[in-house]
Amino acid sequence: MVWDVVRNLLAEEFSVDPDEITGETDFYEDLSADSLDMVELALACEEEFDIEIKDNRKNWSITTVGELVAFLESQIEK
């Protein structure tokens, strides 16, 4: 479930085909994201999954879709 939601959010945000997004897709290299894009993505994830993403260095080190999905799954389980 998390995977599908994230993939659809990314496809919409970055105007790409959802089928092109994999766990190894890099936000910066593959999707040309900048820091504002990442903040918007974090806000969209918070709203979609009803969680709070803390603003800390570890969370900002997430660079791939797979890392984001794993992080979100760990937050949802709490």
N, C-alpha and C. Protein backbone atom coordinates (compact mmCIF):
# COMPACT_ATOMS: atom_id res chain seq x y z
N MET A 1 0.81 -1.19 0.00
CA MET A 1 0.00 0.00 0.00
C MET A 1 0.86 1.26 0.00
N VAL A 2 1.84 1.34 0.89
CA VAL A 2 2.70 2.52 0.95
C VAL A 2 3.40 2.73 -0.39
N TRP A 3 3.90 1.64 -0.96
CA TRP A 3 4.60 1.74 -2.24
C TRP A 3 3.71 2.39 -3.30
N ASP A 4 2.50 1.92 -3.44
CA ASP A 4 1.60 2.45 -4.47
C ASP A 4 1.27 3.92 -4.25
N VAL A 5 1.03 4.29 -3.02
CA VAL A 5 0.71 5.69 -2.71
C VAL A 5 1.90 6.59 -3.02
N VAL A 6 3.09 6.17 -2.59
CA VAL A 6 4.29 6.98 -2.84
C VAL A 6 4.55 7.08 -4.33
N ARG A 7 4.43 6.00 -5.02
CA ARG A 7 4.68 6.01 -6.47
C ARG A 7 3.71 6.95 -7.17
N ASN A 8 2.45 6.94 -6.77
CA ASN A 8 1.48 7.84 -7.39
C ASN A 8 1.74 9.30 -7.03
N LEU A 9 2.14 9.56 -5.78
CA LEU A 9 2.51 10.92 -5.39
C LEU A 9 3.67 11.43 -6.23
N LEU A 10 4.67 10.60 -6.40
CA LEU A 10 5.84 10.99 -7.17
C LEU A 10 5.51 11.19 -8.65
N ALA A 11 4.69 10.31 -9.19
CA ALA A 11 4.32 10.43 -10.60
C ALA A 11 3.60 11.76 -10.85
N GLU A 12 2.74 12.12 -9.92
CA GLU A 12 2.01 13.38 -10.05
C GLU A 12 2.93 14.58 -9.84
N GLU A 13 3.73 14.53 -8.80
CA GLU A 13 4.61 15.65 -8.44
C GLU A 13 5.66 15.92 -9.51
N PHE A 14 6.21 14.85 -10.09
CA PHE A 14 7.32 15.01 -11.02
C PHE A 14 6.94 14.72 -12.48
N SER A 15 5.66 14.54 -12.72
CA SER A 15 5.14 14.31 -14.08
C SER A 15 5.88 13.19 -14.81
N VAL A 16 5.94 12.03 -14.14
CA VAL A 16 6.56 10.86 -14.74
C VAL A 16 5.57 9.70 -14.70
N ASP A 17 5.81 8.71 -15.52
CA ASP A 17 4.98 7.51 -15.55
C ASP A 17 5.27 6.71 -14.27
N PRO A 18 4.24 6.33 -13.52
CA PRO A 18 4.47 5.57 -12.28
C PRO A 18 5.27 4.28 -12.51
N ASP A 19 5.14 3.69 -13.68
CA ASP A 19 5.87 2.45 -13.97
C ASP A 19 7.37 2.66 -14.08
N GLU A 20 7.80 3.91 -14.26
CA GLU A 20 9.22 4.22 -14.35
C GLU A 20 9.87 4.36 -12.97
N ILE A 21 9.06 4.42 -11.93
CA ILE A 21 9.58 4.62 -10.57
C ILE A 21 9.86 3.27 -9.93
N THR A 22 11.10 3.10 -9.46
CA THR A 22 11.50 1.87 -8.78
C THR A 22 12.02 2.23 -7.40
N GLY A 23 12.35 1.24 -6.64
CA GLY A 23 12.93 1.47 -5.32
C GLY A 23 14.28 2.17 -5.40
N GLU A 24 14.97 2.02 -6.51
CA GLU A 24 16.29 2.62 -6.69
C GLU A 24 16.22 4.02 -7.30
N THR A 25 15.01 4.48 -7.66
CA THR A 25 14.88 5.81 -8.24
C THR A 25 15.38 6.84 -7.24
N ASP A 26 16.34 7.65 -7.70
CA ASP A 26 16.94 8.68 -6.87
C ASP A 26 16.20 10.00 -7.08
N PHE A 27 15.80 10.62 -5.99
CA PHE A 27 15.02 11.85 -6.09
C PHE A 27 15.79 12.94 -6.83
N TYR A 28 17.07 13.05 -6.53
CA TYR A 28 17.87 14.15 -7.08
C TYR A 28 18.39 13.84 -8.49
N GLU A 29 18.93 12.66 -8.67
CA GLU A 29 19.52 12.31 -9.97
C GLU A 29 18.48 11.93 -11.02
N ASP A 30 17.49 11.14 -10.63
CA ASP A 30 16.52 10.63 -11.60
C ASP A 30 15.31 11.54 -11.79
N LEU A 31 14.89 12.20 -10.70
CA LEU A 31 13.68 13.03 -10.77
C LEU A 31 13.99 14.53 -10.75
N SER A 32 15.27 14.87 -10.65
CA SER A 32 15.72 16.27 -10.62
C SER A 32 15.03 17.08 -9.52
N ALA A 33 14.83 16.46 -8.38
CA ALA A 33 14.20 17.14 -7.25
C ALA A 33 15.16 18.15 -6.64
N ASP A 34 14.58 19.19 -6.08
CA ASP A 34 15.38 20.13 -5.29
C ASP A 34 14.83 20.13 -3.87
N SER A 35 15.39 20.96 -3.02
CA SER A 35 14.99 20.92 -1.61
C SER A 35 13.52 21.29 -1.42
N LEU A 36 13.00 22.20 -2.22
CA LEU A 36 11.59 22.55 -2.12
C LEU A 36 10.70 21.37 -2.51
N ASP A 37 11.09 20.65 -3.55
CA ASP A 37 10.34 19.45 -3.95
C ASP A 37 10.28 18.45 -2.80
N MET A 38 11.40 18.29 -2.10
CA MET A 38 11.46 17.31 -1.01
C MET A 38 10.59 17.75 0.17
N VAL A 39 10.54 19.04 0.44
CA VAL A 39 9.66 19.53 1.50
C VAL A 39 8.21 19.29 1.13
N GLU A 40 7.86 19.58 -0.11
CA GLU A 40 6.49 19.36 -0.57
C GLU A 40 6.13 17.88 -0.52
N LEU A 41 7.08 17.02 -0.87
CA LEU A 41 6.84 15.58 -0.81
C LEU A 41 6.65 15.14 0.65
N ALA A 42 7.46 15.66 1.55
CA ALA A 42 7.31 15.32 2.97
C ALA A 42 5.94 15.74 3.48
N LEU A 43 5.50 16.94 3.11
CA LEU A 43 4.18 17.41 3.54
C LEU A 43 3.06 16.54 2.96
N ALA A 44 3.20 16.14 1.70
CA ALA A 44 2.20 15.28 1.08
C ALA A 44 2.16 13.92 1.78
N CYS A 45 3.32 13.39 2.15
CA CYS A 45 3.37 12.10 2.85
C CYS A 45 2.76 12.21 4.24
N GLU A 46 3.05 13.32 4.92
CA GLU A 46 2.46 13.52 6.24
C GLU A 46 0.93 13.52 6.15
N GLU A 47 0.42 14.21 5.18
CA GLU A 47 -1.03 14.29 5.02
C GLU A 47 -1.62 12.94 4.61
N GLU A 48 -0.99 12.29 3.66
CA GLU A 48 -1.51 11.03 3.13
C GLU A 48 -1.52 9.92 4.18
N PHE A 49 -0.45 9.86 4.98
CA PHE A 49 -0.31 8.76 5.94
C PHE A 49 -0.62 9.16 7.38
N ASP A 50 -1.03 10.41 7.58
CA ASP A 50 -1.38 10.93 8.90
C ASP A 50 -0.26 10.69 9.91
N ILE A 51 0.94 11.13 9.52
CA ILE A 51 2.12 11.02 10.38
C ILE A 51 2.80 12.38 10.44
N GLU A 52 3.78 12.50 11.34
CA GLU A 52 4.60 13.70 11.41
C GLU A 52 6.04 13.29 11.10
N ILE A 53 6.62 13.93 10.11
CA ILE A 53 8.01 13.67 9.75
C ILE A 53 8.86 14.72 10.42
N LYS A 54 9.68 14.29 11.35
CA LYS A 54 10.52 15.22 12.09
C LYS A 54 11.62 15.78 11.18
N ASP A 55 11.94 17.02 11.41
CA ASP A 55 12.97 17.70 10.63
C ASP A 55 14.34 17.43 11.27
N ASN A 56 14.93 16.30 10.87
CA ASN A 56 16.26 16.00 11.39
C ASN A 56 17.17 15.50 10.26
N ARG A 57 18.43 15.50 10.52
CA ARG A 57 19.43 15.16 9.50
C ARG A 57 19.21 13.76 8.92
N LYS A 58 18.83 12.81 9.73
CA LYS A 58 18.64 11.43 9.25
C LYS A 58 17.52 11.39 8.20
N ASN A 59 16.43 12.07 8.47
CA ASN A 59 15.32 12.05 7.53
C ASN A 59 15.67 12.75 6.23
N TRP A 60 16.52 13.76 6.29
CA TRP A 60 16.91 14.48 5.07
C TRP A 60 17.98 13.73 4.28
N SER A 61 18.48 12.62 4.81
CA SER A 61 19.48 11.84 4.08
C SER A 61 18.82 10.81 3.16
N ILE A 62 17.51 10.74 3.16
CA ILE A 62 16.78 9.84 2.28
C ILE A 62 16.93 10.33 0.85
N THR A 63 17.43 9.46 -0.03
CA THR A 63 17.65 9.89 -1.42
C THR A 63 16.94 9.02 -2.46
N THR A 64 16.48 7.84 -2.05
CA THR A 64 15.81 6.98 -3.03
C THR A 64 14.37 6.68 -2.60
N VAL A 65 13.59 6.27 -3.56
CA VAL A 65 12.20 5.94 -3.28
C VAL A 65 12.11 4.78 -2.29
N GLY A 66 12.97 3.79 -2.45
CA GLY A 66 12.97 2.65 -1.54
C GLY A 66 13.24 3.05 -0.10
N GLU A 67 14.18 3.99 0.09
CA GLU A 67 14.46 4.48 1.43
C GLU A 67 13.26 5.21 2.01
N LEU A 68 12.58 5.99 1.18
CA LEU A 68 11.40 6.71 1.65
C LEU A 68 10.30 5.74 2.04
N VAL A 69 10.05 4.74 1.23
CA VAL A 69 9.00 3.77 1.53
C VAL A 69 9.31 3.04 2.84
N ALA A 70 10.56 2.62 3.03
CA ALA A 70 10.94 1.94 4.27
C ALA A 70 10.76 2.86 5.47
N PHE A 71 11.14 4.12 5.32
CA PHE A 71 10.96 5.08 6.40
C PHE A 71 9.49 5.25 6.74
N LEU A 72 8.66 5.44 5.72
CA LEU A 72 7.23 5.64 5.96
C LEU A 72 6.61 4.42 6.62
N GLU A 73 6.98 3.23 6.16
CA GLU A 73 6.44 2.01 6.78
C GLU A 73 6.83 1.93 8.25
N SER A 74 8.03 2.35 8.59
CA SER A 74 8.46 2.31 9.99
C SER A 74 7.69 3.34 10.82
N GLN A 75 7.31 4.45 10.24
CA GLN A 75 6.56 5.47 10.95
C GLN A 75 5.09 5.08 11.13
N ILE A 76 4.54 4.41 10.16
CA ILE A 76 3.14 3.99 10.21
C ILE A 76 2.94 2.91 11.26
N GLU A 77 3.95 2.07 11.45
CA GLU A 77 3.85 0.97 12.42
C GLU A 77 3.83 1.46 13.85
N LYS A 78 4.30 2.68 14.10
CA LYS A 78 4.40 3.19 15.46
C LYS A 78 3.05 3.48 16.05
